[in-house]
Every structure is written in C-alpha cells, then in structure tokens.
Amino acid sequence: MSTSWALVIVIVIAVLGIGYLVGKMMTLRSGMIKAAAAAADIDTSGLGLSDTGPTVLHFTATWCGPCAAVRRVVDQVCAELPAVAHVEIDMDDNPEAARRLSVLSLPTTIIFDAAGRPRYRSTGVPKAADLRSALEPLLA
C-alpha cells in the first residue's frame, strides 16, 4: 500500500472519530437540567403557573415522540412531591407561549418558582433524579 493511501485512511478515521465525539457530546447534553438565566422580564401570565409552590411546565406536541417520556418523568416526580404543580402546553396550540419563553425545540421543560420566575430549564428527556434535585430546594 502506498503512502498516499495510508494518509487517506488515517484522515478518514480521524474525521469519523471527531464526528463520533461531537455526536456523543451533543447526546450527553440532551436532558440535562441547567439553571435558567435571570429572566425577570418574562411574561408568564396565562400559563397556569401555581402561586403557592414550584411549577414544572413542559412544552409538547402530538407528533413529538420523546414528549411522552417527559410526561411520564414529570408525572412521577410530581406524584412524589405533591406541592409541585404540573403544566403541559402543546406548542402547536399555543405558539405564543413558546415564543415568549424562547422554546426552540421539543421537548422543553422549565421549572418555575412560586413567584413565577424560571429557575431551571431542560431540553430532551430529563432524569427523574435531576428533576427532583432541582425542585427540592424550591420547596423549602
């Protein structure tokens, strides 16, 4: 085998390796709970948020497959923490709410405190333990 073929094979393997690593990093970020930026200007009226405790709001659509998994996780966590309210908004039925909260992909889950401020945000399917650990400090 000539040197040029060996070089081509090495370059192809390197490109595939880099592609694999980038894909893996993007997959790992999906479903992670991140602290929401301070957003006091967001209009949350009409979203059905609770004023007595935290609210888990998630955006969904009928055509969204992972949204059903988010619903199961949120229902499980809300059953364990009865002081937490759960609101589900269909993005196709209420695109204005999605626009107000800068929702760009589905599923998106946002945790609001009792004052209606967004505290945590997740895209993808969050883990129940992560959701619970984000909610417990808001219950104190």
C-alpha atoms as a PDB file:
ATOM      1  CA  MET A   1       0.000   0.000   0.000  1.00  0.00           C
ATOM      2  CA  SER A   2       1.355   3.387  -0.918  1.00  0.00           C
ATOM      3  CA  THR A   3       1.898   6.254   1.494  1.00  0.00           C
ATOM      4  CA  SER A   4      -0.906   8.322  -0.018  1.00  0.00           C
ATOM      5  CA  TRP A   5      -3.475   5.582   0.646  1.00  0.00           C
ATOM      6  CA  ALA A   6      -2.286   5.241   4.221  1.00  0.00           C
ATOM      7  CA  LEU A   7      -2.659   9.004   4.674  1.00  0.00           C
ATOM      8  CA  VAL A   8      -6.212   8.921   3.248  1.00  0.00           C
ATOM      9  CA  ILE A   9      -7.165   6.102   5.633  1.00  0.00           C
ATOM     10  CA  VAL A  10      -5.735   7.978   8.624  1.00  0.00           C
ATOM     11  CA  ILE A  11      -7.633  11.154   7.666  1.00  0.00           C
ATOM     12  CA  VAL A  12     -10.915   9.247   7.212  1.00  0.00           C
ATOM     13  CA  ILE A  13     -10.512   7.563  10.602  1.00  0.00           C
ATOM     14  CA  ALA A  14      -9.707  10.920  12.239  1.00  0.00           C
ATOM     15  CA  VAL A  15     -12.782  12.593  10.710  1.00  0.00           C
ATOM     16  CA  LEU A  16     -15.030   9.726  11.794  1.00  0.00           C
ATOM     17  CA  GLY A  17     -13.556   9.853  15.308  1.00  0.00           C
ATOM     18  CA  ILE A  18     -14.153  13.582  15.606  1.00  0.00           C
ATOM     19  CA  GLY A  19     -17.713  13.163  14.330  1.00  0.00           C
ATOM     20  CA  TYR A  20     -18.337  10.440  16.892  1.00  0.00           C
ATOM     21  CA  LEU A  21     -17.035  12.615  19.759  1.00  0.00           C
ATOM     22  CA  VAL A  22     -19.137  15.624  18.705  1.00  0.00           C
ATOM     23  CA  GLY A  23     -22.251  13.459  18.462  1.00  0.00           C
ATOM     24  CA  LYS A  24     -21.563  11.908  21.863  1.00  0.00           C
ATOM     25  CA  MET A  25     -21.168  15.341  23.480  1.00  0.00           C
ATOM     26  CA  MET A  26     -24.439  16.556  21.964  1.00  0.00           C
ATOM     27  CA  THR A  27     -26.244  13.448  23.190  1.00  0.00           C
ATOM     28  CA  LEU A  28     -24.881  13.862  26.709  1.00  0.00           C
ATOM     29  CA  ARG A  29     -26.198  17.448  26.904  1.00  0.00           C
ATOM     30  CA  SER A  30     -29.731  16.375  26.000  1.00  0.00           C
ATOM     31  CA  GLY A  31     -31.927  16.058  29.066  1.00  0.00           C
ATOM     32  CA  MET A  32     -29.571  17.912  31.416  1.00  0.00           C
ATOM     33  CA  ILE A  33     -31.143  20.360  33.824  1.00  0.00           C
ATOM     34  CA  LYS A  34     -29.496  23.778  33.568  1.00  0.00           C
ATOM     35  CA  ALA A  35     -30.036  26.803  35.750  1.00  0.00           C
ATOM     36  CA  ALA A  36     -32.167  29.280  33.851  1.00  0.00           C
ATOM     37  CA  ALA A  37     -30.715  32.715  33.321  1.00  0.00           C
ATOM     38  CA  ALA A  38     -32.158  35.514  35.393  1.00  0.00           C
ATOM     39  CA  ALA A  39     -35.245  36.471  33.460  1.00  0.00           C
ATOM     40  CA  ALA A  40     -37.418  38.873  35.396  1.00  0.00           C
ATOM     41  CA  ASP A  41     -38.899  40.342  32.203  1.00  0.00           C
ATOM     42  CA  ILE A  42     -40.677  37.179  31.020  1.00  0.00           C
ATOM     43  CA  ASP A  43     -44.451  37.459  30.909  1.00  0.00           C
ATOM     44  CA  THR A  44     -45.786  34.277  32.494  1.00  0.00           C
ATOM     45  CA  SER A  45     -49.419  35.356  32.679  1.00  0.00           C
ATOM     46  CA  GLY A  46     -51.881  32.890  31.279  1.00  0.00           C
ATOM     47  CA  LEU A  47     -49.544  29.897  31.574  1.00  0.00           C
ATOM     48  CA  GLY A  48     -51.350  28.380  34.553  1.00  0.00           C
ATOM     49  CA  LEU A  49     -48.408  28.561  36.946  1.00  0.00           C
ATOM     50  CA  SER A  50     -49.007  27.870  40.623  1.00  0.00           C
ATOM     51  CA  ASP A  51     -48.558  30.769  43.024  1.00  0.00           C
ATOM     52  CA  THR A  52     -48.248  28.513  46.077  1.00  0.00           C
ATOM     53  CA  GLY A  53     -45.255  26.431  45.023  1.00  0.00           C
ATOM     54  CA  PRO A  54     -42.989  25.482  42.133  1.00  0.00           C
ATOM     55  CA  THR A  55     -44.415  24.556  38.744  1.00  0.00           C
ATOM     56  CA  VAL A  56     -42.976  22.178  36.178  1.00  0.00           C
ATOM     57  CA  LEU A  57     -44.031  23.378  32.740  1.00  0.00           C
ATOM     58  CA  HIS A  58     -43.209  21.351  29.680  1.00  0.00           C
ATOM     59  CA  PHE A  59     -43.873  22.028  26.041  1.00  0.00           C
ATOM     60  CA  THR A  60     -45.109  19.160  23.927  1.00  0.00           C
ATOM     61  CA  ALA A  61     -46.780  18.355  20.614  1.00  0.00           C
ATOM     62  CA  THR A  62     -48.859  15.426  19.421  1.00  0.00           C
ATOM     63  CA  TRP A  63     -46.188  14.470  16.878  1.00  0.00           C
ATOM     64  CA  CYS A  64     -43.333  14.550  19.439  1.00  0.00           C
ATOM     65  CA  GLY A  65     -42.258  11.053  20.488  1.00  0.00           C
ATOM     66  CA  PRO A  66     -39.921  11.965  23.394  1.00  0.00           C
ATOM     67  CA  CYS A  67     -42.630  14.232  24.870  1.00  0.00           C
ATOM     68  CA  ALA A  68     -44.467  11.158  26.174  1.00  0.00           C
ATOM     69  CA  ALA A  69     -41.338  10.125  28.086  1.00  0.00           C
ATOM     70  CA  VAL A  70     -41.087  13.618  29.601  1.00  0.00           C
ATOM     71  CA  ARG A  71     -44.739  13.405  30.661  1.00  0.00           C
ATOM     72  CA  ARG A  72     -44.059  10.100  32.461  1.00  0.00           C
ATOM     73  CA  VAL A  73     -40.997  11.505  34.262  1.00  0.00           C
ATOM     74  CA  VAL A  74     -42.766  14.725  35.288  1.00  0.00           C
ATOM     75  CA  ASP A  75     -45.885  12.843  36.448  1.00  0.00           C
ATOM     76  CA  GLN A  76     -43.706  10.519  38.548  1.00  0.00           C
ATOM     77  CA  VAL A  77     -41.808  13.379  40.204  1.00  0.00           C
ATOM     78  CA  CYS A  78     -44.974  15.433  40.800  1.00  0.00           C
ATOM     79  CA  ALA A  79     -46.621  12.400  42.431  1.00  0.00           C
ATOM     80  CA  GLU A  80     -43.641  12.158  44.815  1.00  0.00           C
ATOM     81  CA  LEU A  81     -43.699  15.917  45.517  1.00  0.00           C
ATOM     82  CA  PRO A  82     -47.395  16.868  45.815  1.00  0.00           C
ATOM     83  CA  ALA A  83     -46.647  20.591  46.368  1.00  0.00           C
ATOM     84  CA  VAL A  84     -45.322  20.802  42.788  1.00  0.00           C
ATOM     85  CA  ALA A  85     -47.754  21.783  40.043  1.00  0.00           C
ATOM     86  CA  HIS A  86     -47.522  20.384  36.523  1.00  0.00           C
ATOM     87  CA  VAL A  87     -48.499  22.318  33.392  1.00  0.00           C
ATOM     88  CA  GLU A  88     -48.281  20.910  29.881  1.00  0.00           C
ATOM     89  CA  ILE A  89     -48.547  23.224  26.866  1.00  0.00           C
ATOM     90  CA  ASP A  90     -48.996  21.976  23.322  1.00  0.00           C
ATOM     91  CA  MET A  91     -46.643  24.062  21.197  1.00  0.00           C
ATOM     92  CA  ASP A  92     -48.850  23.760  18.119  1.00  0.00           C
ATOM     93  CA  ASP A  93     -51.903  25.043  20.028  1.00  0.00           C
ATOM     94  CA  ASN A  94     -50.068  27.837  21.859  1.00  0.00           C
ATOM     95  CA  PRO A  95     -47.069  29.033  19.797  1.00  0.00           C
ATOM     96  CA  GLU A  96     -47.170  32.446  21.523  1.00  0.00           C
ATOM     97  CA  ALA A  97     -46.274  30.888  24.894  1.00  0.00           C
ATOM     98  CA  ALA A  98     -43.388  29.046  23.261  1.00  0.00           C
ATOM     99  CA  ARG A  99     -42.199  32.269  21.662  1.00  0.00           C
ATOM    100  CA  ARG A 100     -42.410  34.185  24.973  1.00  0.00           C
ATOM    101  CA  LEU A 101     -40.293  31.559  26.715  1.00  0.00           C
ATOM    102  CA  SER A 102     -37.854  31.103  23.782  1.00  0.00           C
ATOM    103  CA  VAL A 103     -38.676  27.442  23.263  1.00  0.00           C
ATOM    104  CA  LEU A 104     -36.864  26.318  20.121  1.00  0.00           C
ATOM    105  CA  SER A 105     -37.038  22.533  20.384  1.00  0.00           C
ATOM    106  CA  LEU A 106     -39.227  19.835  21.853  1.00  0.00           C
ATOM    107  CA  PRO A 107     -39.456  18.566  24.471  1.00  0.00           C
ATOM    108  CA  THR A 108     -38.523  21.560  26.653  1.00  0.00           C
ATOM    109  CA  THR A 109     -39.141  21.549  30.396  1.00  0.00           C
ATOM    110  CA  ILE A 110     -38.959  24.695  32.538  1.00  0.00           C
ATOM    111  CA  ILE A 111     -39.182  24.806  36.334  1.00  0.00           C
ATOM    112  CA  PHE A 112     -40.698  27.977  37.800  1.00  0.00           C
ATOM    113  CA  ASP A 113     -40.548  29.007  41.443  1.00  0.00           C
ATOM    114  CA  ALA A 114     -43.637  30.156  43.367  1.00  0.00           C
ATOM    115  CA  ALA A 115     -43.025  33.761  42.262  1.00  0.00           C
ATOM    116  CA  GLY A 116     -43.250  32.725  38.575  1.00  0.00           C
ATOM    117  CA  ARG A 117     -39.540  33.105  37.782  1.00  0.00           C
ATOM    118  CA  PRO A 118     -37.905  30.440  35.610  1.00  0.00           C
ATOM    119  CA  ARG A 119     -35.263  28.662  37.689  1.00  0.00           C
ATOM    120  CA  TYR A 120     -34.232  25.615  35.626  1.00  0.00           C
ATOM    121  CA  ARG A 121     -34.590  24.568  32.011  1.00  0.00           C
ATOM    122  CA  SER A 122     -34.056  21.297  30.178  1.00  0.00           C
ATOM    123  CA  THR A 123     -34.334  20.168  26.589  1.00  0.00           C
ATOM    124  CA  GLY A 124     -34.783  16.497  25.895  1.00  0.00           C
ATOM    125  CA  VAL A 125     -35.927  13.966  28.477  1.00  0.00           C
ATOM    126  CA  PRO A 126     -34.710  14.861  31.978  1.00  0.00           C
ATOM    127  CA  LYS A 127     -33.855  12.190  34.518  1.00  0.00           C
ATOM    128  CA  ALA A 128     -36.298  11.953  37.423  1.00  0.00           C
ATOM    129  CA  ALA A 129     -33.466  12.334  39.963  1.00  0.00           C
ATOM    130  CA  ASP A 130     -32.224  15.520  38.281  1.00  0.00           C
ATOM    131  CA  LEU A 131     -35.733  16.972  38.182  1.00  0.00           C
ATOM    132  CA  ARG A 132     -36.302  16.084  41.831  1.00  0.00           C
ATOM    133  CA  SER A 133     -32.997  17.629  42.923  1.00  0.00           C
ATOM    134  CA  ALA A 134     -33.855  20.846  41.050  1.00  0.00           C
ATOM    135  CA  LEU A 135     -37.306  21.025  42.690  1.00  0.00           C
ATOM    136  CA  GLU A 136     -36.471  20.180  46.298  1.00  0.00           C
ATOM    137  CA  PRO A 137     -34.677  23.484  47.088  1.00  0.00           C
ATOM    138  CA  LEU A 138     -37.688  25.379  45.739  1.00  0.00           C
ATOM    139  CA  LEU A 139     -39.963  23.601  48.218  1.00  0.00           C
ATOM    140  CA  ALA A 140     -38.078  24.842  51.308  1.00  0.00           C
END
